[in-house]
Protein backbone atom coordinates (compact mmCIF):
# COMPACT_ATOMS: atom_id res chain seq x y z
CA MET A 1 -258.10 263.64 158.32
CA ARG A 2 -259.50 263.85 161.62
CA ALA A 3 -262.50 266.12 162.18
CA LEU A 4 -261.79 269.23 164.28
CA ALA A 5 -264.16 268.45 167.24
CA ASP A 6 -261.88 265.42 167.61
CA TYR A 7 -258.64 267.24 168.86
CA THR A 8 -258.12 267.69 172.51
CA VAL A 9 -257.51 270.70 174.22
CA ARG A 10 -253.93 269.77 174.71
CA GLU A 11 -253.69 268.96 171.01
CA TRP A 12 -255.33 272.44 170.14
CA LEU A 13 -252.76 274.31 172.29
CA ALA A 14 -249.81 272.27 170.72
CA GLY A 15 -250.96 273.18 167.25
CA ALA A 16 -251.41 269.84 166.06
CA PRO A 17 -254.68 270.55 163.85
CA LEU A 18 -253.17 273.20 161.93
CA ALA A 19 -249.70 271.23 161.61
CA GLN A 20 -251.60 268.19 160.38
CA ARG A 21 -253.31 270.40 157.70
CA LEU A 22 -250.21 271.98 156.57
CA ARG A 23 -248.45 268.53 155.88
CA ARG A 24 -251.35 267.56 154.10
CA THR A 25 -251.65 270.21 151.75
CA ARG A 26 -248.02 270.03 151.23
CA ASN A 27 -248.41 266.32 150.17
CA VAL A 28 -251.46 267.00 147.90
CA VAL A 29 -249.27 269.72 146.16
CA VAL A 30 -246.39 267.53 145.51
CA ASP A 31 -248.81 264.52 144.43
CA ARG A 32 -250.42 266.76 141.91
CA ILE A 33 -246.94 268.11 140.31
CA TYR A 34 -245.47 264.70 140.19
CA ARG A 35 -248.62 263.13 138.58
CA ARG A 36 -248.43 265.78 135.57
CA ARG A 37 -244.85 264.26 134.78
CA ALA A 38 -244.90 262.37 131.80
CA ALA A 39 -243.10 258.66 131.70
CA VAL A 40 -241.29 257.84 128.72
CA GLY A 41 -243.44 255.54 126.41
CA GLN A 42 -246.56 256.38 128.33
CA GLU A 43 -248.89 257.12 125.46
CA ALA A 44 -247.60 253.91 123.46
CA LEU A 45 -248.37 251.90 126.76
CA VAL A 46 -251.88 253.11 127.26
CA ALA A 47 -252.76 252.33 123.86
CA ARG A 48 -251.43 248.57 124.55
CA LEU A 49 -253.38 248.55 127.68
CA LYS A 50 -256.78 249.61 126.51
CA GLY A 51 -259.63 246.79 126.28
CA HIS A 52 -257.96 244.73 128.45
CA ASP A 53 -260.59 242.87 131.04
CA ALA A 54 -258.06 242.83 133.74
CA LEU A 55 -254.69 244.40 134.38
CA ALA A 56 -252.50 244.17 137.32
CA PHE A 57 -250.10 247.10 138.26
CA THR A 58 -247.09 246.74 140.70
CA ILE A 59 -244.31 249.34 141.99
CA ALA A 60 -241.07 247.92 141.09
CA PHE A 61 -238.34 249.05 143.58
CA ASN A 62 -234.73 247.98 142.93
CA GLN A 63 -235.31 244.13 143.01
CA PRO A 64 -235.39 242.58 139.34
CA GLY A 65 -235.79 239.24 141.21
CA ALA A 66 -238.99 239.98 142.80
CA VAL A 67 -240.13 241.54 139.52
CA ALA A 68 -239.16 238.28 138.01
CA LEU A 69 -240.80 235.69 140.53
CA LEU A 70 -244.14 237.87 140.16
CA ALA A 71 -244.22 237.54 136.61
CA ASP A 72 -243.52 233.86 136.44
CA ALA A 73 -246.17 233.43 139.21
CA MET A 74 -248.77 235.71 137.23
CA ALA A 75 -247.83 233.72 134.17
CA ARG A 76 -248.89 230.66 135.46
CA PHE A 77 -251.73 231.30 137.88
CA VAL A 78 -253.23 234.39 136.66
CA PRO A 79 -252.83 234.30 133.00
CA ALA A 80 -256.35 236.36 132.33
CA ALA A 81 -254.39 239.36 133.74
CA GLU A 82 -251.76 241.56 131.98
CA LEU A 83 -248.75 242.57 134.52
CA VAL A 84 -247.76 246.14 134.49
CA VAL A 85 -244.21 246.99 135.68
CA CYS A 86 -244.27 250.53 136.96
CA ASP A 87 -240.65 251.07 137.83
CA ASN A 88 -240.34 253.43 140.62
CA SER A 89 -236.50 252.12 141.72
CA SER A 90 -233.88 254.72 142.98
CA ASP A 91 -231.07 252.63 141.88
CA PRO A 92 -230.36 253.33 138.04
CA ALA A 93 -228.64 249.84 137.98
CA ALA A 94 -231.94 248.15 139.16
CA ARG A 95 -233.94 250.46 136.68
CA ALA A 96 -232.02 249.31 133.60
CA ALA A 97 -232.09 245.59 135.08
CA ILE A 98 -235.82 245.66 135.19
CA ALA A 99 -236.36 247.33 131.92
CA ARG A 100 -234.17 244.67 130.20
CA LEU A 101 -236.00 241.93 132.14
CA CYS A 102 -239.57 243.37 131.18
CA GLY A 103 -238.13 243.68 127.44
CA GLU A 104 -236.96 240.04 127.34
CA ARG A 105 -240.21 238.93 128.94
CA ARG A 106 -242.33 241.43 126.66
CA LEU A 107 -243.96 242.50 129.70
CA ALA A 108 -245.59 245.78 129.89
CA TYR A 109 -243.33 248.19 131.37
CA CYS A 110 -243.41 251.95 132.52
CA PRO A 111 -240.45 253.75 133.97
CA LEU A 112 -242.29 256.18 136.34
CA PRO A 113 -240.86 259.82 136.43
CA PRO A 114 -238.24 260.16 139.19
CA ALA A 115 -239.81 260.10 142.37
CA PRO A 116 -240.33 263.31 144.64
CA TYR A 117 -239.53 261.57 147.71
CA ARG A 118 -236.36 259.51 148.81
CA GLY A 119 -235.09 257.62 151.65
CA ALA A 120 -236.53 254.95 153.87
CA ARG A 121 -238.34 257.19 155.92
CA ASN A 122 -240.21 258.33 153.02
CA GLY A 123 -241.16 255.17 151.59
CA SER A 124 -244.95 255.08 152.06
CA ARG A 125 -244.89 258.47 150.57
CA SER A 126 -243.29 257.67 147.38
CA HIS A 127 -245.21 254.46 147.00
CA ALA A 128 -248.44 256.56 147.35
CA VAL A 129 -247.31 259.23 144.53
CA ALA A 130 -246.42 256.51 142.37
CA LEU A 131 -249.89 254.55 142.89
CA ASN A 132 -251.54 257.73 142.25
CA TRP A 133 -249.55 258.60 139.24
CA VAL A 134 -250.48 254.98 137.76
CA PHE A 135 -254.21 255.65 138.60
CA ARG A 136 -254.41 258.88 136.96
CA ASN A 137 -252.15 258.38 134.00
CA LEU A 138 -252.82 254.42 133.14
CA VAL A 139 -255.35 253.04 134.96
CA ARG A 140 -258.05 255.83 133.77
CA PRO A 141 -257.16 256.33 130.35
CA ALA A 142 -256.82 252.48 129.97
CA ALA A 143 -260.43 251.98 131.46
CA PRO A 144 -259.93 248.05 132.30
CA GLY A 145 -262.72 245.80 133.45
CA VAL A 146 -260.93 245.25 136.54
CA PHE A 147 -257.49 246.64 138.00
CA ALA A 148 -255.24 245.25 140.85
CA MET A 149 -252.58 246.98 142.66
CA LEU A 150 -249.84 244.54 143.75
CA ASP A 151 -246.59 244.75 145.61
CA HIS A 152 -243.76 243.72 143.71
CA ASP A 153 -242.82 241.00 146.27
CA LEU A 154 -246.16 239.08 146.51
CA VAL A 155 -246.61 236.12 144.65
CA PRO A 156 -249.69 234.19 143.77
CA LEU A 157 -249.58 230.49 144.42
CA ALA A 158 -252.86 229.08 143.09
CA PRO A 159 -255.14 230.03 140.39
CA THR A 160 -257.06 233.52 140.97
CA ASP A 161 -259.69 235.16 138.81
CA LEU A 162 -259.46 238.92 139.63
CA SER A 163 -262.93 239.71 137.83
CA ALA A 164 -264.57 237.61 140.25
CA LEU A 165 -263.09 239.09 143.43
CA VAL A 166 -265.12 242.10 142.75
CA ARG A 167 -268.10 240.63 141.51
CA GLY A 168 -270.66 242.72 143.00
CA GLN A 169 -268.78 244.57 144.92
CA PRO A 170 -266.25 247.78 144.38
CA CYS A 171 -263.34 246.32 145.80
CA TYR A 172 -261.44 243.46 147.43
CA GLY A 173 -258.32 242.97 149.30
CA HIS A 174 -256.53 242.92 152.42
CA VAL A 175 -258.60 245.29 155.32
CA ARG A 176 -256.29 246.83 157.62
CA ARG A 177 -257.81 249.27 160.57
CA SER A 178 -257.12 252.53 162.03
CA ASP A 179 -254.54 252.29 165.11
CA ARG A 180 -256.95 254.89 166.44
CA PRO A 181 -259.83 252.76 167.26
CA ALA A 182 -262.39 254.96 168.28
CA CYS A 183 -262.53 256.69 165.04
CA GLY A 184 -263.47 253.54 163.14
CA ALA A 185 -261.52 253.91 160.00
CA TRP A 186 -260.08 251.11 157.75
CA TYR A 187 -258.38 250.87 154.46
CA LEU A 188 -257.19 248.06 151.81
CA TRP A 189 -253.49 247.39 151.63
CA PRO A 190 -252.46 248.35 148.42
CA GLY A 191 -250.26 245.67 148.20
CA PHE A 192 -253.21 243.25 147.39
CA THR A 193 -256.26 245.37 146.09
CA VAL A 194 -258.77 244.59 143.44
CA PHE A 195 -261.10 247.25 142.03
CA ASP A 196 -263.89 247.23 139.54
CA PHE A 197 -263.10 250.15 137.10
CA ALA A 198 -266.59 250.90 136.43
CA ALA A 199 -267.31 251.50 140.14
CA VAL A 200 -264.35 253.53 140.88
CA GLY A 201 -262.89 254.77 138.28
CA ALA A 202 -264.47 258.48 138.55
CA LEU A 203 -263.75 258.59 141.95
CA ALA A 204 -260.51 260.67 142.76
CA LEU A 205 -258.68 257.59 144.42
CA ASP A 206 -255.62 258.78 146.59
CA PHE A 207 -253.42 255.93 147.95
CA GLY A 208 -251.84 258.58 150.27
CA THR A 209 -251.22 258.07 153.83
CA ASP A 210 -253.63 259.56 156.61
CA THR A 211 -251.52 259.79 159.39
CA PRO A 212 -254.11 261.67 161.88
CA LEU A 213 -256.26 258.88 161.36
CA GLY A 214 -253.86 256.10 161.84
CA LEU A 215 -253.63 254.84 158.11
CA ASP A 216 -250.90 253.97 156.34
CA THR A 217 -250.60 253.88 152.29
CA GLY A 218 -253.94 253.97 150.63
CA GLY A 219 -255.48 255.33 153.87
CA GLN A 220 -256.74 258.47 152.30
CA ASN A 221 -259.18 256.57 150.31
CA TRP A 222 -260.95 256.00 153.26
CA ALA A 223 -262.83 259.42 152.60
CA VAL A 224 -262.98 258.62 149.00
CA LEU A 225 -264.59 255.07 149.09
CA TYR A 226 -264.13 253.00 151.96
CA ARG A 227 -266.31 255.09 154.81
CA ARG A 228 -269.32 254.41 152.34
CA LEU A 229 -268.72 250.67 152.30
CA ASP A 230 -270.72 248.06 154.81
CA LEU A 231 -267.43 246.45 155.88
CA ALA A 232 -269.38 243.44 157.61
CA GLY A 233 -271.00 242.62 154.19
CA LEU A 234 -267.59 243.19 152.08
CA ARG A 235 -265.76 240.09 150.91
CA ARG A 236 -262.18 240.33 151.98
CA ALA A 237 -259.08 238.32 151.74
CA LYS A 238 -258.25 235.87 154.26
CA VAL A 239 -255.20 236.46 156.13
CA ARG A 240 -252.70 234.14 157.80
CA SER A 241 -248.98 234.03 159.03
CA VAL A 242 -246.71 231.70 157.42
CA TYR A 243 -242.90 230.45 157.89
CA LEU A 244 -240.37 230.39 155.17
CA ALA A 245 -237.76 228.82 157.31
CA ASP A 246 -240.42 225.50 157.59
CA VAL A 247 -241.30 225.54 154.36
CA HIS A 248 -237.95 225.27 152.48
CA PRO A 249 -235.24 224.64 154.98
CA GLY A 250 -232.37 224.61 152.09
CA ALA A 251 -231.30 227.57 149.62
CA GLY A 252 -229.84 229.56 152.01
CA ALA A 253 -232.58 229.21 155.03
CA THR A 254 -231.02 230.22 158.45
CA GLY A 255 -233.50 228.33 160.46
CA GLU A 256 -235.32 231.39 162.03
CA ARG A 257 -239.26 231.54 161.87
CA ARG A 258 -239.67 234.73 159.89
CA ALA A 259 -243.30 235.50 159.51
CA SER A 260 -244.90 236.15 156.22
CA MET A 261 -248.20 236.92 155.07
CA LEU A 262 -250.55 234.40 153.08
CA LEU A 263 -253.32 236.19 151.56
CA ASP A 264 -255.90 233.55 150.35
CA GLY A 265 -253.35 232.04 147.73
CA TRP A 266 -251.24 235.07 147.56
CA PHE A 267 -247.72 234.71 149.25
CA HIS A 268 -246.12 238.28 150.23
CA ILE A 269 -242.32 237.86 151.03
CA GLY A 270 -242.26 241.13 152.60
CA GLY A 271 -239.39 243.69 152.83
CA ALA A 272 -237.72 242.61 149.78
CA GLY A 273 -234.27 244.59 149.19
CA HIS A 274 -235.18 246.80 152.03
CA ARG A 275 -235.35 245.05 155.13
CA GLU A 276 -233.22 242.52 157.29
CA GLY A 277 -233.73 239.09 155.87
CA GLY A 278 -236.04 240.02 153.20
CA LEU A 279 -233.48 239.66 150.06
CA SER A 280 -232.86 235.95 151.80
CA ALA A 281 -236.51 235.26 152.00
CA LEU A 282 -236.72 236.18 148.20
CA GLU A 283 -234.10 234.10 147.25
CA ARG A 284 -235.57 231.07 149.18
CA THR A 285 -239.08 231.53 147.70
CA ARG A 286 -237.47 231.93 144.22
CA ALA A 287 -235.65 228.40 144.94
CA ALA A 288 -239.15 227.02 146.26
CA PHE A 289 -241.28 228.20 143.36
CA ASP A 290 -238.67 226.63 140.68
CA ALA A 291 -238.52 223.50 142.43
CA ASP A 292 -241.95 223.12 142.92
CA PRO A 293 -244.57 225.66 142.13
CA ASP A 294 -248.07 223.64 142.53
CA GLY A 295 -246.62 222.23 145.79
CA LEU A 296 -245.44 225.31 147.56
CA PHE A 297 -248.90 226.62 148.31
CA ALA A 298 -249.71 223.43 150.06
CA ARG A 299 -246.70 223.44 152.04
CA LEU A 300 -247.41 227.15 153.31
CA VAL A 301 -250.79 226.45 154.33
CA ALA A 302 -249.29 223.48 156.42
CA THR A 303 -247.57 226.09 158.44
CA ALA A 304 -250.28 228.70 158.60
CA ALA A 305 -251.09 230.38 161.91
CA PRO A 306 -253.17 233.20 162.66
CA PRO A 307 -251.75 236.44 162.61
CA PRO A 308 -249.91 238.10 165.40
CA ALA A 309 -252.45 240.06 167.94
């Protein structure tokens, strides 16, 4: 939240400080109620996860194909980390398909309680409460050496040692800055973040948004963790833009230059299942991965460009 002294006279007259604090209070209450709800098979899953050196949690949402591709890529390039699929799908058929997929592949699976937020405009809040539920109900009791939070349409394309990423620092990931530059706030995008459990497990991590500070999902961790860190000395992911149409012109490509993110050796398809072009991009990435998983990273690097200003 913004400090009260940061509000202008006009904002005070419009009641912005009170309105923003009331919304924050509502979000905290909803989050606390939701994270007390139990998931089917929760205790058995925690028992399975205890003692792992590295766990990677993904919040699945309505796209079995994205989960399958992430699982295949993790098995190939990040085999030391167990993937935990936490299902936040709103479509019952998709939930059933993801559960079946995880059962067939023996993936750790958790059917999250139905989300308290619905609809596209509440996507960030729904993602945030899911992450908070996972942190308190799975991560803390499992107490892994390191844990990662990954988008369901993120695909590793090069070998990665998650533990090495956080050696000597509490967290690692893609830094995003506030759209209010004067406040100096930043956060790590929870679509690709790795944490050292020993450093953060006792903290009240909160993956909620902080709209007054201009921070999206994960922004509440600015106050909990990030503001205490030296950003200049923090190792972080290198981010570049890549173009799928140039990489794999077949498999339904339309020829458009649709930019996606490449974070170190991880490819973020972006918008799979809920943005225009996202499902097509997922299908093209699947085809390219199946054809040559080791060569896809090199082809993406060849199309890399600095991210848009």
